[in-house]
Amino acid sequence: MTTASTSDGVPQRFSTADVPDLPGRRVIVTGANSGIGLVTAQILASAGADVTLAVRNTEKGAAAAAGMPGQPEVRELDLANLASVREFAAAWEGDIDLLINNAGVMIPPLGRTADGFELQLGTNHLGPFALTSLLLPHVRGRVVTVSSGLHRIGRIDFDDLNWERRRYRRWGAYGQSKLANLLFTGELQRRLTAAGSPVLSVAAHPGYAATNLQSHSESGLWELMVGRIGNGLVAQNARGGALPTLFAAVAPIPGDSFAGPGGFQELRGAPQLVGRSARARDTETARRLWEVSEELTGTRFPL
């Protein structure tokens, strides 16, 4: 049984019961071996979708897939390595109904991808940017990109995108990468619309979800705070954190929508459409970031 809906068909209080049957729909979920990616893949597989778990560690991916209904597929994908992204895309055959850019890293120490990009920008934005560009000719439905409410602390520094000259600030780098996700979502939708494509580009953020994403910060104080204090007081579990992604994936919403929890400070609660910062709505910054991202990744908008 589904919940009551508004006049435009959007459920008033979206839950997993509002995910429609998806027999035969082909879905890719990056980072689907744990956290909200795992839950997202599980629920879509339960709805009958043909789910591909695109994961860096295929052994963990296989273990995750073993607990899902249907016959989920596991393929290797390392978003911190453009060669891996190209290999994944080159091997893909057939249509894609849903591409869910879920995988990411959060506030690790300064690191570099295989291509020399700052780790958070490379994994959270440039990797998904290249993957989407390469797979877009196959996509028939939606591209869902997982951002964060912390995009609000982000700024795009075109003079030093990869933190090569500035003192590294892991929170600033995370905010920049999550802001990039929203700028990418909007610019992708504008380009799809201009090309006459019916494909939708939308975004979501999980609020404050108690997952293992925060466990790689190497900050004992932070992990104590989120593990023992925050998780018990304000965080929702991975299932709750996956709901905005699922809402963005299946609800009747327009392109460039942004979904997040509807509760206090968007930390938890049933998903709904939410706002974004003024910087995330800056179309000129979005256009420029797109062009820079094309140069850095060697990919182009294919439509």
Protein backbone atom coordinates (compact mmCIF):
# COMPACT_ATOMS: atom_id res chain seq x y z
CA MET A 1 0.00 0.00 0.00
CA THR A 2 1.38 3.39 -0.93
CA THR A 3 1.03 6.56 1.06
CA ALA A 4 -1.17 9.52 0.15
CA SER A 5 0.13 11.73 -2.64
CA THR A 6 0.05 15.40 -3.48
CA SER A 7 -1.66 16.70 -6.62
CA ASP A 8 1.52 16.17 -8.67
CA GLY A 9 1.79 12.53 -7.60
CA VAL A 10 4.64 12.93 -5.11
CA PRO A 11 4.03 10.83 -1.96
CA GLN A 12 3.42 12.97 1.12
CA ARG A 13 5.57 10.69 3.24
CA PHE A 14 7.72 8.57 0.98
CA SER A 15 8.78 5.14 2.19
CA THR A 16 10.11 1.96 0.62
CA ALA A 17 6.48 0.99 0.01
CA ASP A 18 6.37 3.75 -2.62
CA VAL A 19 9.10 2.17 -4.72
CA PRO A 20 7.21 0.71 -7.70
CA ASP A 21 7.76 -2.68 -9.22
CA LEU A 22 10.80 -2.47 -11.50
CA PRO A 23 10.96 -5.78 -13.38
CA GLY A 24 13.62 -5.76 -16.06
CA ARG A 25 14.86 -2.25 -15.24
CA ARG A 26 18.65 -2.08 -15.35
CA VAL A 27 20.23 -0.18 -12.48
CA ILE A 28 23.83 0.66 -11.61
CA VAL A 29 24.62 1.64 -8.02
CA THR A 30 28.20 2.70 -7.30
CA GLY A 31 29.58 1.92 -3.86
CA ALA A 32 26.82 -0.63 -3.31
CA ASN A 33 28.66 -2.99 -0.98
CA SER A 34 27.96 -0.99 2.21
CA GLY A 35 26.01 1.88 3.74
CA ILE A 36 23.24 3.64 1.87
CA GLY A 37 24.48 2.24 -1.44
CA LEU A 38 23.94 -1.30 -0.18
CA VAL A 39 20.44 -0.49 1.09
CA THR A 40 19.58 1.30 -2.15
CA ALA A 41 20.67 -1.71 -4.19
CA GLN A 42 18.80 -4.13 -1.91
CA ILE A 43 15.53 -2.25 -2.17
CA LEU A 44 15.74 -1.81 -5.94
CA ALA A 45 16.59 -5.50 -6.33
CA SER A 46 13.60 -6.36 -4.13
CA ALA A 47 11.46 -4.32 -6.53
CA GLY A 48 12.58 -6.57 -9.38
CA ALA A 49 15.30 -4.41 -10.93
CA ASP A 50 18.38 -5.94 -12.50
CA VAL A 51 20.99 -4.35 -10.26
CA THR A 52 24.70 -4.01 -10.93
CA LEU A 53 26.86 -3.33 -7.90
CA ALA A 54 29.74 -1.19 -9.14
CA VAL A 55 32.34 -1.55 -6.39
CA ARG A 56 36.03 -1.19 -5.77
CA ASN A 57 36.26 -4.46 -3.80
CA THR A 58 34.51 -7.22 -5.72
CA GLU A 59 34.80 -9.72 -2.85
CA LYS A 60 32.81 -7.41 -0.59
CA GLY A 61 30.48 -6.72 -3.48
CA ALA A 62 29.85 -10.43 -3.98
CA ALA A 63 29.09 -10.85 -0.28
CA ALA A 64 26.62 -7.98 -0.47
CA ALA A 65 25.00 -9.36 -3.62
CA ALA A 66 24.58 -12.77 -2.02
CA GLY A 67 22.03 -11.28 0.38
CA MET A 68 19.90 -9.67 -2.34
CA PRO A 69 16.97 -11.13 -4.28
CA GLY A 70 17.22 -11.80 -7.98
CA GLN A 71 20.57 -12.10 -9.68
CA PRO A 72 22.50 -8.92 -8.93
CA GLU A 73 25.73 -8.49 -10.83
CA VAL A 74 29.03 -7.30 -9.38
CA ARG A 75 31.51 -5.32 -11.45
CA GLU A 76 34.76 -3.69 -10.43
CA LEU A 77 34.85 0.11 -10.45
CA ASP A 78 37.38 2.38 -8.76
CA LEU A 79 36.24 5.98 -9.12
CA ALA A 80 39.67 7.15 -7.95
CA ASN A 81 41.21 5.70 -11.11
CA LEU A 82 40.05 6.96 -14.51
CA ALA A 83 41.44 3.85 -16.21
CA SER A 84 39.04 1.77 -14.10
CA VAL A 85 36.16 4.11 -14.98
CA ARG A 86 36.92 3.79 -18.69
CA GLU A 87 37.22 0.01 -18.45
CA PHE A 88 33.87 -0.25 -16.67
CA ALA A 89 32.11 1.95 -19.22
CA ALA A 90 33.71 0.26 -22.23
CA ALA A 91 32.47 -3.14 -21.05
CA TRP A 92 28.87 -1.99 -20.59
CA GLU A 93 26.31 -3.21 -23.11
CA GLY A 94 22.62 -2.36 -23.31
CA ASP A 95 20.39 0.24 -21.74
CA ILE A 96 20.60 1.75 -18.24
CA ASP A 97 17.37 2.85 -16.58
CA LEU A 98 19.01 4.24 -13.46
CA LEU A 99 22.59 5.31 -12.88
CA ILE A 100 23.05 6.07 -9.19
CA ASN A 101 26.30 7.87 -8.39
CA ASN A 102 26.43 6.94 -4.73
CA ALA A 103 30.05 6.05 -3.94
CA GLY A 104 32.23 8.59 -2.20
CA VAL A 105 34.73 9.33 0.54
CA MET A 106 34.41 11.70 3.47
CA ILE A 107 37.11 13.75 5.23
CA PRO A 108 40.13 11.45 4.84
CA PRO A 109 43.62 12.90 5.27
CA LEU A 110 45.09 14.49 2.17
CA GLY A 111 45.44 11.88 -0.54
CA ARG A 112 45.66 11.65 -4.32
CA THR A 113 43.86 9.51 -6.85
CA ALA A 114 45.69 7.42 -9.41
CA ASP A 115 45.47 10.41 -11.75
CA GLY A 116 46.81 12.91 -9.21
CA PHE A 117 43.54 14.55 -8.20
CA GLU A 118 42.81 15.46 -4.59
CA LEU A 119 41.12 12.32 -3.26
CA GLN A 120 37.72 13.77 -2.34
CA LEU A 121 37.31 15.81 -5.52
CA GLY A 122 38.55 12.90 -7.62
CA THR A 123 36.38 10.23 -6.02
CA ASN A 124 33.26 12.27 -5.30
CA HIS A 125 33.10 14.40 -8.43
CA LEU A 126 35.60 13.74 -11.22
CA GLY A 127 35.17 9.96 -11.17
CA PRO A 128 31.34 10.12 -11.31
CA PHE A 129 31.57 12.92 -13.89
CA ALA A 130 33.65 10.73 -16.19
CA LEU A 131 31.51 7.65 -15.54
CA THR A 132 28.29 9.50 -16.35
CA SER A 133 29.74 11.06 -19.48
CA LEU A 134 30.92 7.68 -20.77
CA LEU A 135 27.71 5.82 -19.91
CA LEU A 136 25.23 8.52 -20.90
CA PRO A 137 24.54 7.10 -24.40
CA HIS A 138 23.14 4.02 -22.61
CA VAL A 139 20.99 5.89 -20.05
CA ARG A 140 17.24 5.96 -20.70
CA GLY A 141 15.85 7.05 -17.34
CA ARG A 142 17.67 9.01 -14.64
CA VAL A 143 21.07 9.88 -13.28
CA VAL A 144 20.95 10.25 -9.50
CA THR A 145 23.98 11.84 -7.84
CA VAL A 146 24.38 11.71 -4.07
CA SER A 147 25.52 15.03 -2.62
CA SER A 148 25.41 16.29 0.98
CA GLY A 149 23.87 19.02 3.07
CA LEU A 150 27.47 20.02 3.69
CA HIS A 151 27.67 21.33 0.13
CA ARG A 152 26.76 24.60 1.89
CA ILE A 153 30.28 24.92 3.31
CA GLY A 154 31.85 24.30 -0.09
CA ARG A 155 33.46 26.72 -2.50
CA ILE A 156 34.86 25.94 -5.94
CA ASP A 157 38.41 27.25 -6.09
CA PHE A 158 39.32 27.17 -9.77
CA ASP A 159 42.81 28.42 -8.95
CA ASP A 160 43.55 25.37 -6.82
CA LEU A 161 40.86 22.72 -7.31
CA ASN A 162 43.18 19.92 -6.28
CA TRP A 163 44.66 21.52 -3.16
CA GLU A 164 48.17 21.68 -4.50
CA ARG A 165 49.04 25.11 -3.10
CA ARG A 166 46.66 25.72 -0.23
CA ARG A 167 46.93 24.25 3.24
CA TYR A 168 44.71 21.19 3.08
CA ARG A 169 41.40 21.37 4.91
CA ARG A 170 39.58 18.07 4.72
CA TRP A 171 36.17 19.62 5.51
CA GLY A 172 36.68 22.32 2.91
CA ALA A 173 37.68 19.69 0.36
CA TYR A 174 34.64 17.59 1.20
CA GLY A 175 32.33 20.60 0.90
CA GLN A 176 33.88 21.51 -2.46
CA SER A 177 33.32 17.99 -3.80
CA LYS A 178 29.69 17.90 -2.63
CA LEU A 179 29.02 21.35 -4.07
CA ALA A 180 30.52 20.06 -7.32
CA ASN A 181 27.94 17.23 -7.26
CA LEU A 182 25.08 19.73 -7.30
CA LEU A 183 26.65 21.97 -9.92
CA PHE A 184 27.17 18.86 -12.06
CA THR A 185 23.55 17.78 -11.57
CA GLY A 186 22.20 21.13 -12.74
CA GLU A 187 24.55 21.53 -15.69
CA LEU A 188 23.91 17.96 -16.82
CA GLN A 189 20.17 18.63 -16.82
CA ARG A 190 20.62 21.81 -18.83
CA ARG A 191 22.69 19.96 -21.42
CA LEU A 192 20.24 17.05 -21.57
CA THR A 193 17.34 19.45 -22.10
CA ALA A 194 19.21 21.35 -24.82
CA ALA A 195 19.93 18.04 -26.57
CA GLY A 196 16.25 17.07 -26.48
CA SER A 197 16.94 14.09 -24.21
CA PRO A 198 14.21 12.78 -21.89
CA VAL A 199 16.82 11.65 -19.35
CA LEU A 200 16.59 13.35 -15.95
CA SER A 201 19.52 14.47 -13.80
CA VAL A 202 18.64 14.71 -10.11
CA ALA A 203 20.44 14.73 -6.77
CA ALA A 204 19.88 13.58 -3.22
CA HIS A 205 21.51 13.81 0.17
CA PRO A 206 21.05 11.34 3.04
CA GLY A 207 21.02 13.80 5.94
CA TYR A 208 22.96 12.46 8.88
CA ALA A 209 23.15 8.72 8.32
CA ALA A 210 25.04 6.41 10.64
CA THR A 211 27.19 4.53 8.12
CA ASN A 212 30.87 3.64 7.76
CA LEU A 213 31.49 6.64 5.46
CA GLN A 214 32.78 8.70 8.38
CA SER A 215 35.07 5.94 9.64
CA HIS A 216 38.07 6.85 7.48
CA SER A 217 38.81 10.29 8.87
CA GLU A 218 41.65 9.07 11.12
CA SER A 219 40.33 11.54 13.68
CA GLY A 220 39.63 9.81 16.97
CA LEU A 221 37.64 12.73 18.36
CA TRP A 222 35.41 12.93 15.27
CA GLU A 223 34.77 9.19 15.20
CA LEU A 224 33.95 9.23 18.92
CA MET A 225 31.51 12.09 18.34
CA VAL A 226 29.69 10.51 15.43
CA GLY A 227 29.89 6.99 16.78
CA ARG A 228 28.77 7.42 20.36
CA ILE A 229 27.03 10.76 20.51
CA GLY A 230 25.68 11.81 17.12
CA ASN A 231 24.53 8.37 16.04
CA GLY A 232 22.48 7.99 19.16
CA LEU A 233 20.89 11.42 19.14
CA VAL A 234 20.25 12.67 15.62
CA ALA A 235 21.46 10.17 13.02
CA GLN A 236 19.18 7.86 11.11
CA ASN A 237 20.26 4.40 10.03
CA ALA A 238 21.42 3.47 6.54
CA ARG A 239 17.89 2.51 5.52
CA GLY A 240 16.64 5.98 6.42
CA GLY A 241 19.65 7.54 4.72
CA ALA A 242 18.88 5.67 1.50
CA LEU A 243 15.33 6.98 1.24
CA PRO A 244 16.23 10.34 -0.39
CA THR A 245 18.20 8.47 -3.06
CA LEU A 246 15.26 6.16 -3.72
CA PHE A 247 12.89 9.15 -3.76
CA ALA A 248 15.10 10.87 -6.35
CA ALA A 249 15.25 7.66 -8.35
CA VAL A 250 11.53 6.87 -8.65
CA ALA A 251 9.32 9.77 -7.52
CA PRO A 252 7.64 11.97 -10.17
CA ILE A 253 9.98 14.94 -9.81
CA PRO A 254 11.48 17.30 -12.40
CA GLY A 255 15.06 17.38 -13.57
CA ASP A 256 17.61 19.14 -11.35
CA SER A 257 15.56 18.27 -8.26
CA PHE A 258 17.37 17.85 -4.95
CA ALA A 259 15.94 15.43 -2.39
CA GLY A 260 16.79 15.21 1.28
CA PRO A 261 15.29 14.40 4.67
CA GLY A 262 12.34 16.57 5.64
CA GLY A 263 13.05 16.67 9.37
CA PHE A 264 14.96 19.14 11.55
CA GLN A 265 17.86 20.73 9.65
CA GLU A 266 17.44 18.01 7.01
CA LEU A 267 19.28 15.59 9.29
CA ARG A 268 16.64 12.85 9.28
CA GLY A 269 13.05 12.15 8.36
CA ALA A 270 11.00 11.23 5.30
CA PRO A 271 12.46 12.58 2.06
CA GLN A 272 11.18 15.60 0.21
CA LEU A 273 12.50 18.17 -2.23
CA VAL A 274 14.91 20.53 -0.46
CA GLY A 275 16.78 23.72 -1.24
CA ARG A 276 20.43 24.33 -1.98
CA SER A 277 22.94 27.11 -1.47
CA ALA A 278 23.23 30.10 -3.78
CA ARG A 279 26.64 28.80 -4.88
CA ALA A 280 24.98 25.52 -5.91
CA ARG A 281 22.59 27.47 -8.14
CA ASP A 282 25.30 29.46 -9.92
CA THR A 283 24.96 28.47 -13.58
CA GLU A 284 28.16 30.20 -14.66
CA THR A 285 30.21 28.33 -12.07
CA ALA A 286 28.48 25.11 -13.12
CA ARG A 287 29.33 25.69 -16.78
CA ARG A 288 32.95 26.48 -15.97
CA LEU A 289 33.29 23.48 -13.65
CA TRP A 290 31.89 21.26 -16.39
CA GLU A 291 34.47 22.50 -18.87
CA VAL A 292 37.33 22.08 -16.37
CA SER A 293 36.07 18.59 -15.48
CA GLU A 294 36.04 17.63 -19.16
CA GLU A 295 39.65 18.76 -19.47
CA LEU A 296 40.77 16.92 -16.33
CA THR A 297 39.01 13.66 -17.17
CA GLY A 298 39.35 13.69 -20.95
CA THR A 299 35.62 13.04 -21.38
CA ARG A 300 32.95 15.00 -23.23
CA PHE A 301 29.16 15.35 -23.17
CA PRO A 302 28.21 12.70 -25.73
CA LEU A 303 24.71 13.78 -26.84
